[in-house]
């Protein structure tokens, strides 16, 4: 379940999203592997969910590993806003 203001990071391959999940958990980030919400699309079908307070940590780890998400969305009410 995606809570209000949570981020959903989309990756274009199952291999990449699984690698990201492992890396973030090893680095102490509080994330969750989830099915991609119906309102969003992804070839992979899985995404990483994290709370706003985890954003800096998540992006620091992913940038260092050159594994930034293909797309990033933030939940607002019943919709998802794309974050650039």
C-alpha atoms as a PDB file:
ATOM      1  CA  UNK A   1       0.000   0.000   0.000  1.00  0.00           C
ATOM      2  CA  UNK A   2       1.217   3.451  -0.895  1.00  0.00           C
ATOM      3  CA  UNK A   3       0.536   6.114   1.720  1.00  0.00           C
ATOM      4  CA  UNK A   4      -0.086   9.813   1.116  1.00  0.00           C
ATOM      5  CA  UNK A   5       3.159  11.589   0.047  1.00  0.00           C
ATOM      6  CA  UNK A   6       5.097   8.326  -0.393  1.00  0.00           C
ATOM      7  CA  UNK A   7       7.392   8.049  -3.390  1.00  0.00           C
ATOM      8  CA  UNK A   8       7.202   5.244  -5.954  1.00  0.00           C
ATOM      9  CA  UNK A   9      10.371   4.625  -7.969  1.00  0.00           C
ATOM     10  CA  UNK A  10       9.919   2.819 -11.295  1.00  0.00           C
ATOM     11  CA  UNK A  11      12.677   0.809 -12.966  1.00  0.00           C
ATOM     12  CA  UNK A  12      12.509  -0.794 -16.406  1.00  0.00           C
ATOM     13  CA  UNK A  13      13.736  -4.265 -15.533  1.00  0.00           C
ATOM     14  CA  UNK A  14      13.112  -6.797 -12.802  1.00  0.00           C
ATOM     15  CA  UNK A  15      16.860  -7.319 -12.472  1.00  0.00           C
ATOM     16  CA  UNK A  16      17.424  -3.618 -11.781  1.00  0.00           C
ATOM     17  CA  UNK A  17      14.612  -3.262  -9.236  1.00  0.00           C
ATOM     18  CA  UNK A  18      15.803  -6.347  -7.335  1.00  0.00           C
ATOM     19  CA  UNK A  19      19.372  -5.007  -7.309  1.00  0.00           C
ATOM     20  CA  UNK A  20      18.107  -1.633  -6.038  1.00  0.00           C
ATOM     21  CA  UNK A  21      16.056  -3.286  -3.286  1.00  0.00           C
ATOM     22  CA  UNK A  22      19.056  -5.264  -2.044  1.00  0.00           C
ATOM     23  CA  UNK A  23      21.387  -2.266  -2.181  1.00  0.00           C
ATOM     24  CA  UNK A  24      18.994   0.067  -0.350  1.00  0.00           C
ATOM     25  CA  UNK A  25      18.271  -2.454   2.398  1.00  0.00           C
ATOM     26  CA  UNK A  26      22.010  -3.090   2.862  1.00  0.00           C
ATOM     27  CA  UNK A  27      22.442   0.656   3.323  1.00  0.00           C
ATOM     28  CA  UNK A  28      19.694   0.934   5.938  1.00  0.00           C
ATOM     29  CA  UNK A  29      17.051   2.655   3.822  1.00  0.00           C
ATOM     30  CA  UNK A  30      13.473   1.988   4.892  1.00  0.00           C
ATOM     31  CA  UNK A  31      11.942   0.899   1.570  1.00  0.00           C
ATOM     32  CA  UNK A  32       9.433  -1.655   0.366  1.00  0.00           C
ATOM     33  CA  UNK A  33       9.229  -3.614  -2.884  1.00  0.00           C
ATOM     34  CA  UNK A  34       5.658  -3.287  -4.198  1.00  0.00           C
ATOM     35  CA  UNK A  35       3.646  -4.069  -7.321  1.00  0.00           C
ATOM     36  CA  UNK A  36       3.471  -1.015  -9.580  1.00  0.00           C
ATOM     37  CA  UNK A  37       0.203   0.814  -8.767  1.00  0.00           C
ATOM     38  CA  UNK A  38      -2.485   0.432 -11.437  1.00  0.00           C
ATOM     39  CA  UNK A  39      -2.413   4.141 -12.257  1.00  0.00           C
ATOM     40  CA  UNK A  40       1.238   3.815 -13.322  1.00  0.00           C
ATOM     41  CA  UNK A  41       2.839   1.666 -15.981  1.00  0.00           C
ATOM     42  CA  UNK A  42       6.025  -0.346 -15.999  1.00  0.00           C
ATOM     43  CA  UNK A  43       7.359  -3.252 -18.027  1.00  0.00           C
ATOM     44  CA  UNK A  44       8.807  -4.740 -14.866  1.00  0.00           C
ATOM     45  CA  UNK A  45       5.664  -4.776 -12.687  1.00  0.00           C
ATOM     46  CA  UNK A  46       7.552  -3.995  -9.460  1.00  0.00           C
ATOM     47  CA  UNK A  47       8.548  -0.689  -7.875  1.00  0.00           C
ATOM     48  CA  UNK A  48      10.261   0.652  -4.763  1.00  0.00           C
ATOM     49  CA  UNK A  49       8.148   2.593  -2.276  1.00  0.00           C
ATOM     50  CA  UNK A  50       9.691   4.936   0.286  1.00  0.00           C
ATOM     51  CA  UNK A  51       8.598   7.736   2.580  1.00  0.00           C
ATOM     52  CA  UNK A  52       9.606  11.376   1.996  1.00  0.00           C
ATOM     53  CA  UNK A  53      12.007  11.289   4.951  1.00  0.00           C
ATOM     54  CA  UNK A  54      13.962   8.530   3.170  1.00  0.00           C
ATOM     55  CA  UNK A  55      14.338  10.477  -0.095  1.00  0.00           C
ATOM     56  CA  UNK A  56      17.836  11.876   0.536  1.00  0.00           C
ATOM     57  CA  UNK A  57      19.233   8.533   1.687  1.00  0.00           C
ATOM     58  CA  UNK A  58      17.647   6.614  -1.201  1.00  0.00           C
ATOM     59  CA  UNK A  59      18.952   9.006  -3.845  1.00  0.00           C
ATOM     60  CA  UNK A  60      22.413   9.216  -2.320  1.00  0.00           C
ATOM     61  CA  UNK A  61      22.767   5.414  -2.463  1.00  0.00           C
ATOM     62  CA  UNK A  62      21.254   5.090  -5.946  1.00  0.00           C
ATOM     63  CA  UNK A  63      23.288   7.939  -7.422  1.00  0.00           C
ATOM     64  CA  UNK A  64      26.539   6.462  -6.069  1.00  0.00           C
ATOM     65  CA  UNK A  65      25.630   3.098  -7.634  1.00  0.00           C
ATOM     66  CA  UNK A  66      24.436   4.668 -10.922  1.00  0.00           C
ATOM     67  CA  UNK A  67      21.003   3.066 -10.413  1.00  0.00           C
ATOM     68  CA  UNK A  68      18.641   6.037 -10.476  1.00  0.00           C
ATOM     69  CA  UNK A  69      14.994   5.203 -11.266  1.00  0.00           C
ATOM     70  CA  UNK A  70      13.605   5.596 -14.763  1.00  0.00           C
ATOM     71  CA  UNK A  71      10.607   7.437 -13.290  1.00  0.00           C
ATOM     72  CA  UNK A  72       9.646   8.765  -9.871  1.00  0.00           C
ATOM     73  CA  UNK A  73       6.134   9.523  -8.650  1.00  0.00           C
ATOM     74  CA  UNK A  74       4.708  10.907  -5.417  1.00  0.00           C
ATOM     75  CA  UNK A  75       1.248   9.978  -4.164  1.00  0.00           C
ATOM     76  CA  UNK A  76      -1.102  12.926  -3.803  1.00  0.00           C
ATOM     77  CA  UNK A  77      -4.641  12.089  -2.747  1.00  0.00           C
ATOM     78  CA  UNK A  78      -5.823   9.431  -5.226  1.00  0.00           C
ATOM     79  CA  UNK A  79      -3.328  10.277  -7.963  1.00  0.00           C
ATOM     80  CA  UNK A  80       0.409  10.117  -8.568  1.00  0.00           C
ATOM     81  CA  UNK A  81       2.400  13.208  -9.520  1.00  0.00           C
ATOM     82  CA  UNK A  82       5.520  12.660 -11.591  1.00  0.00           C
ATOM     83  CA  UNK A  83       8.623  14.073  -9.903  1.00  0.00           C
ATOM     84  CA  UNK A  84      11.400  15.345 -12.145  1.00  0.00           C
END
